[in-house]
Structure formats: C-alpha cells, structure tokens
Amino acid sequence: MKGTENWNVPAPDEVHKYWIKNLTALHSRIAEHLRSCLTTGNVPVWMALGRINLVMKDERKAAEGRNFRPIACLQTTIKLLTGIIAEQAYAHVNQHGLLPVEQKGCRKGSRGTTDYFLVDKMAMKNCSRRHAS
C-alpha cells in the first residue's frame, strides 16, 4: 500500500487506504487472513467484487458511449493481496535473472508502455511531416 494515495475514491468496501496504512494494530490480523487466502486458495467472493464508474473524457463533447472511459474500483483487500503476490513474483524473477534486459515494461520504476507510445507518436508525426513536404 506504500506509495498509494490515502484519500482517493474508496473501494466498494468504503475503506480509505489511509486507515489500512495507519491502523497498525490490525496489520497482523489482515496478514493472517490474506495468508489464509494464499495457502488455501480460497478468496472470499466479496473480495473479488468491484464497481465500474464511467468517467467522461471530454465534457465539451456529447454524452455518448465513446466519450466515456471505464474506471474499475476494486476492494482494498484484493489490492493488498495482489500487491503481495506481485512483490513476491517480482522478487523471484529478479533474484533468478528471469526477466530479459529488453523487457523494460515489467521493471519497477519503468513506464514502459507510456514511453514506447510517446516514441511511436513522435515517429509517426515525423513520418507524416516528411510525406507532406
């Protein structure tokens, strides 16, 4: 949860991340329940439920379907669980050198897709200028 916003829109469980981070007396109980999910393979249905909100892309345009983008809000606890799994998987892959140097999009601190998208956009803009002249 470190590095996440404390007070952004809460998950369907209505629990802000601030409380999960700062009610440290609960951390051992939360860890116990998440460990149980991992060892038994049983994740309660409520943890996997989410809410989809439609956010308008451009308020100057019409309120039609293609002018909205879906934002998924997942339970805070499932974010914790998947974060723990991701940390463990990344540590394993990193420790054993399983991620090729060329695979920058999966590395921590890398913006991968965004960077490549911007490079492609600039290349296309450059190509279109050359064809126009």
C-alpha atoms as a PDB file:
ATOM      1  CA  MET A   1       0.000   0.000   0.000  1.00  0.00           C
ATOM      2  CA  LYS A   2       3.012   2.232   0.338  1.00  0.00           C
ATOM      3  CA  GLY A   3       3.123   4.761  -2.445  1.00  0.00           C
ATOM      4  CA  THR A   4      -0.657   4.773  -2.949  1.00  0.00           C
ATOM      5  CA  GLU A   5      -2.927   7.756  -2.364  1.00  0.00           C
ATOM      6  CA  ASN A   6      -4.586   7.850   1.050  1.00  0.00           C
ATOM      7  CA  TRP A   7      -7.792   9.681   0.265  1.00  0.00           C
ATOM      8  CA  ASN A   8      -8.680   8.938  -3.351  1.00  0.00           C
ATOM      9  CA  VAL A   9     -12.072   7.380  -4.143  1.00  0.00           C
ATOM     10  CA  PRO A  10     -12.566   4.468  -1.762  1.00  0.00           C
ATOM     11  CA  ALA A  11     -13.159   0.944  -2.957  1.00  0.00           C
ATOM     12  CA  PRO A  12     -16.637  -0.622  -2.770  1.00  0.00           C
ATOM     13  CA  ASP A  13     -15.782  -1.593   0.832  1.00  0.00           C
ATOM     14  CA  GLU A  14     -15.679   2.200   1.513  1.00  0.00           C
ATOM     15  CA  VAL A  15     -12.346   1.865   3.363  1.00  0.00           C
ATOM     16  CA  HIS A  16      -9.791   4.550   2.538  1.00  0.00           C
ATOM     17  CA  LYS A  17      -6.207   3.342   2.239  1.00  0.00           C
ATOM     18  CA  TYR A  18      -5.236   5.796   4.995  1.00  0.00           C
ATOM     19  CA  TRP A  19      -6.952   3.577   7.579  1.00  0.00           C
ATOM     20  CA  ILE A  20      -5.347   0.371   6.311  1.00  0.00           C
ATOM     21  CA  LYS A  21      -1.925   2.028   6.466  1.00  0.00           C
ATOM     22  CA  ASN A  22      -2.294   3.696   9.856  1.00  0.00           C
ATOM     23  CA  LEU A  23      -4.337   1.285  11.956  1.00  0.00           C
ATOM     24  CA  THR A  24      -1.223  -0.806  12.553  1.00  0.00           C
ATOM     25  CA  ALA A  25      -2.891  -2.864  15.294  1.00  0.00           C
ATOM     26  CA  LEU A  26      -4.933  -4.514  12.525  1.00  0.00           C
ATOM     27  CA  HIS A  27      -1.959  -5.414  10.306  1.00  0.00           C
ATOM     28  CA  SER A  28      -1.297  -8.809  11.911  1.00  0.00           C
ATOM     29  CA  ARG A  29      -4.975  -9.830  11.593  1.00  0.00           C
ATOM     30  CA  ILE A  30      -5.153  -8.639   7.988  1.00  0.00           C
ATOM     31  CA  ALA A  31      -1.926 -10.517   7.215  1.00  0.00           C
ATOM     32  CA  GLU A  32      -3.347 -13.648   8.847  1.00  0.00           C
ATOM     33  CA  HIS A  33      -6.466 -13.542   6.650  1.00  0.00           C
ATOM     34  CA  LEU A  34      -4.505 -12.826   3.464  1.00  0.00           C
ATOM     35  CA  ARG A  35      -2.076 -15.662   4.283  1.00  0.00           C
ATOM     36  CA  SER A  36      -5.091 -17.943   4.682  1.00  0.00           C
ATOM     37  CA  CYS A  37      -6.339 -16.917   1.214  1.00  0.00           C
ATOM     38  CA  LEU A  38      -2.929 -17.743  -0.261  1.00  0.00           C
ATOM     39  CA  THR A  39      -2.437 -21.082   1.486  1.00  0.00           C
ATOM     40  CA  THR A  40      -5.967 -22.425   0.984  1.00  0.00           C
ATOM     41  CA  GLY A  41      -6.566 -20.870  -2.427  1.00  0.00           C
ATOM     42  CA  ASN A  42      -9.951 -19.642  -1.197  1.00  0.00           C
ATOM     43  CA  VAL A  43     -10.635 -15.978  -1.746  1.00  0.00           C
ATOM     44  CA  PRO A  44     -13.999 -14.782  -0.421  1.00  0.00           C
ATOM     45  CA  VAL A  45     -16.364 -13.657  -3.188  1.00  0.00           C
ATOM     46  CA  TRP A  46     -16.765 -10.195  -1.648  1.00  0.00           C
ATOM     47  CA  MET A  47     -13.018  -9.550  -2.094  1.00  0.00           C
ATOM     48  CA  ALA A  48     -13.297 -10.020  -5.852  1.00  0.00           C
ATOM     49  CA  LEU A  49     -16.310  -7.726  -6.304  1.00  0.00           C
ATOM     50  CA  GLY A  50     -15.728  -4.315  -7.773  1.00  0.00           C
ATOM     51  CA  ARG A  51     -17.509  -1.290  -9.110  1.00  0.00           C
ATOM     52  CA  ILE A  52     -17.172   0.272 -12.564  1.00  0.00           C
ATOM     53  CA  ASN A  53     -17.534   4.026 -12.864  1.00  0.00           C
ATOM     54  CA  LEU A  54     -17.855   5.736 -16.230  1.00  0.00           C
ATOM     55  CA  VAL A  55     -15.838   8.940 -16.467  1.00  0.00           C
ATOM     56  CA  MET A  56     -16.484  11.428 -19.253  1.00  0.00           C
ATOM     57  CA  LYS A  57     -13.372  12.019 -21.373  1.00  0.00           C
ATOM     58  CA  ASP A  58     -14.300  15.429 -22.739  1.00  0.00           C
ATOM     59  CA  GLU A  59     -17.161  17.440 -21.238  1.00  0.00           C
ATOM     60  CA  ARG A  60     -17.414  19.581 -24.400  1.00  0.00           C
ATOM     61  CA  LYS A  61     -18.404  16.519 -26.431  1.00  0.00           C
ATOM     62  CA  ALA A  62     -21.720  14.738 -26.407  1.00  0.00           C
ATOM     63  CA  ALA A  63     -22.667  12.311 -23.654  1.00  0.00           C
ATOM     64  CA  GLU A  64     -22.395   9.277 -25.928  1.00  0.00           C
ATOM     65  CA  GLY A  65     -20.796   5.918 -25.194  1.00  0.00           C
ATOM     66  CA  ARG A  66     -17.426   6.515 -26.836  1.00  0.00           C
ATOM     67  CA  ASN A  67     -16.919   9.699 -24.800  1.00  0.00           C
ATOM     68  CA  PHE A  68     -16.650   7.697 -21.556  1.00  0.00           C
ATOM     69  CA  ARG A  69     -13.914   5.530 -20.162  1.00  0.00           C
ATOM     70  CA  PRO A  70     -14.480   2.871 -17.525  1.00  0.00           C
ATOM     71  CA  ILE A  71     -12.644   3.079 -14.207  1.00  0.00           C
ATOM     72  CA  ALA A  72     -12.658  -0.093 -12.110  1.00  0.00           C
ATOM     73  CA  CYS A  73     -12.705   0.276  -8.328  1.00  0.00           C
ATOM     74  CA  LEU A  74     -11.625  -2.910  -6.576  1.00  0.00           C
ATOM     75  CA  GLN A  75     -11.712  -3.811  -2.892  1.00  0.00           C
ATOM     76  CA  THR A  76      -8.741  -2.542  -0.874  1.00  0.00           C
ATOM     77  CA  THR A  77      -8.104  -6.044   0.455  1.00  0.00           C
ATOM     78  CA  ILE A  78      -7.798  -7.604  -3.016  1.00  0.00           C
ATOM     79  CA  LYS A  79      -5.342  -4.836  -3.921  1.00  0.00           C
ATOM     80  CA  LEU A  80      -3.321  -5.781  -0.848  1.00  0.00           C
ATOM     81  CA  LEU A  81      -3.405  -9.476  -1.763  1.00  0.00           C
ATOM     82  CA  THR A  82      -2.439  -8.973  -5.408  1.00  0.00           C
ATOM     83  CA  GLY A  83       0.244  -6.495  -4.331  1.00  0.00           C
ATOM     84  CA  ILE A  84       1.797  -9.121  -2.059  1.00  0.00           C
ATOM     85  CA  ILE A  85       1.699 -11.697  -4.864  1.00  0.00           C
ATOM     86  CA  ALA A  86       3.232  -9.210  -7.316  1.00  0.00           C
ATOM     87  CA  GLU A  87       6.042  -8.331  -4.874  1.00  0.00           C
ATOM     88  CA  GLN A  88       6.882 -11.997  -4.342  1.00  0.00           C
ATOM     89  CA  ALA A  89       6.775 -12.779  -8.068  1.00  0.00           C
ATOM     90  CA  TYR A  90       8.953  -9.767  -8.897  1.00  0.00           C
ATOM     91  CA  ALA A  91      11.483 -10.694  -6.187  1.00  0.00           C
ATOM     92  CA  HIS A  92      11.683 -14.272  -7.540  1.00  0.00           C
ATOM     93  CA  VAL A  93      12.059 -13.180 -11.167  1.00  0.00           C
ATOM     94  CA  ASN A  94      14.643 -10.549 -10.221  1.00  0.00           C
ATOM     95  CA  GLN A  95      16.629 -12.877  -7.935  1.00  0.00           C
ATOM     96  CA  HIS A  96      16.894 -15.586 -10.611  1.00  0.00           C
ATOM     97  CA  GLY A  97      17.513 -13.220 -13.537  1.00  0.00           C
ATOM     98  CA  LEU A  98      14.399 -14.391 -15.384  1.00  0.00           C
ATOM     99  CA  LEU A  99      13.462 -11.004 -16.836  1.00  0.00           C
ATOM    100  CA  PRO A 100      15.410 -10.111 -20.001  1.00  0.00           C
ATOM    101  CA  VAL A 101      17.080  -6.691 -20.062  1.00  0.00           C
ATOM    102  CA  GLU A 102      14.945  -5.784 -23.106  1.00  0.00           C
ATOM    103  CA  GLN A 103      11.732  -6.291 -21.103  1.00  0.00           C
ATOM    104  CA  LYS A 104      11.575  -2.805 -19.626  1.00  0.00           C
ATOM    105  CA  GLY A 105       7.780  -2.584 -19.242  1.00  0.00           C
ATOM    106  CA  CYS A 106       7.770  -5.067 -16.353  1.00  0.00           C
ATOM    107  CA  ARG A 107      10.589  -3.489 -14.374  1.00  0.00           C
ATOM    108  CA  LYS A 108       9.904  -1.391 -11.305  1.00  0.00           C
ATOM    109  CA  GLY A 109      10.104   2.316 -11.955  1.00  0.00           C
ATOM    110  CA  SER A 110       9.693   1.822 -15.699  1.00  0.00           C
ATOM    111  CA  ARG A 111       6.903   3.497 -17.578  1.00  0.00           C
ATOM    112  CA  GLY A 112       7.318   1.016 -20.437  1.00  0.00           C
ATOM    113  CA  THR A 113       4.137   1.275 -22.477  1.00  0.00           C
ATOM    114  CA  THR A 114       3.760   5.017 -21.998  1.00  0.00           C
ATOM    115  CA  ASP A 115       7.352   5.652 -23.087  1.00  0.00           C
ATOM    116  CA  TYR A 116       7.011   3.430 -26.164  1.00  0.00           C
ATOM    117  CA  PHE A 117       3.691   5.060 -27.050  1.00  0.00           C
ATOM    118  CA  LEU A 118       5.287   8.521 -26.934  1.00  0.00           C
ATOM    119  CA  VAL A 119       8.222   7.365 -29.101  1.00  0.00           C
ATOM    120  CA  ASP A 120       5.790   5.867 -31.654  1.00  0.00           C
ATOM    121  CA  LYS A 121       3.722   9.057 -31.635  1.00  0.00           C
ATOM    122  CA  MET A 122       6.798  11.207 -32.325  1.00  0.00           C
ATOM    123  CA  ALA A 123       7.984   8.823 -35.064  1.00  0.00           C
ATOM    124  CA  MET A 124       4.563   8.945 -36.761  1.00  0.00           C
ATOM    125  CA  LYS A 125       4.487  12.735 -36.534  1.00  0.00           C
ATOM    126  CA  ASN A 126       7.978  12.873 -38.088  1.00  0.00           C
ATOM    127  CA  CYS A 127       6.946  10.474 -40.878  1.00  0.00           C
ATOM    128  CA  SER A 128       3.807  12.468 -41.677  1.00  0.00           C
ATOM    129  CA  ARG A 129       5.868  15.681 -41.953  1.00  0.00           C
ATOM    130  CA  ARG A 130       8.212  14.048 -44.454  1.00  0.00           C
ATOM    131  CA  HIS A 131       5.314  12.823 -46.614  1.00  0.00           C
ATOM    132  CA  ALA A 132       3.647  16.228 -46.560  1.00  0.00           C
ATOM    133  CA  SER A 133       6.656  18.101 -47.953  1.00  0.00           C
END
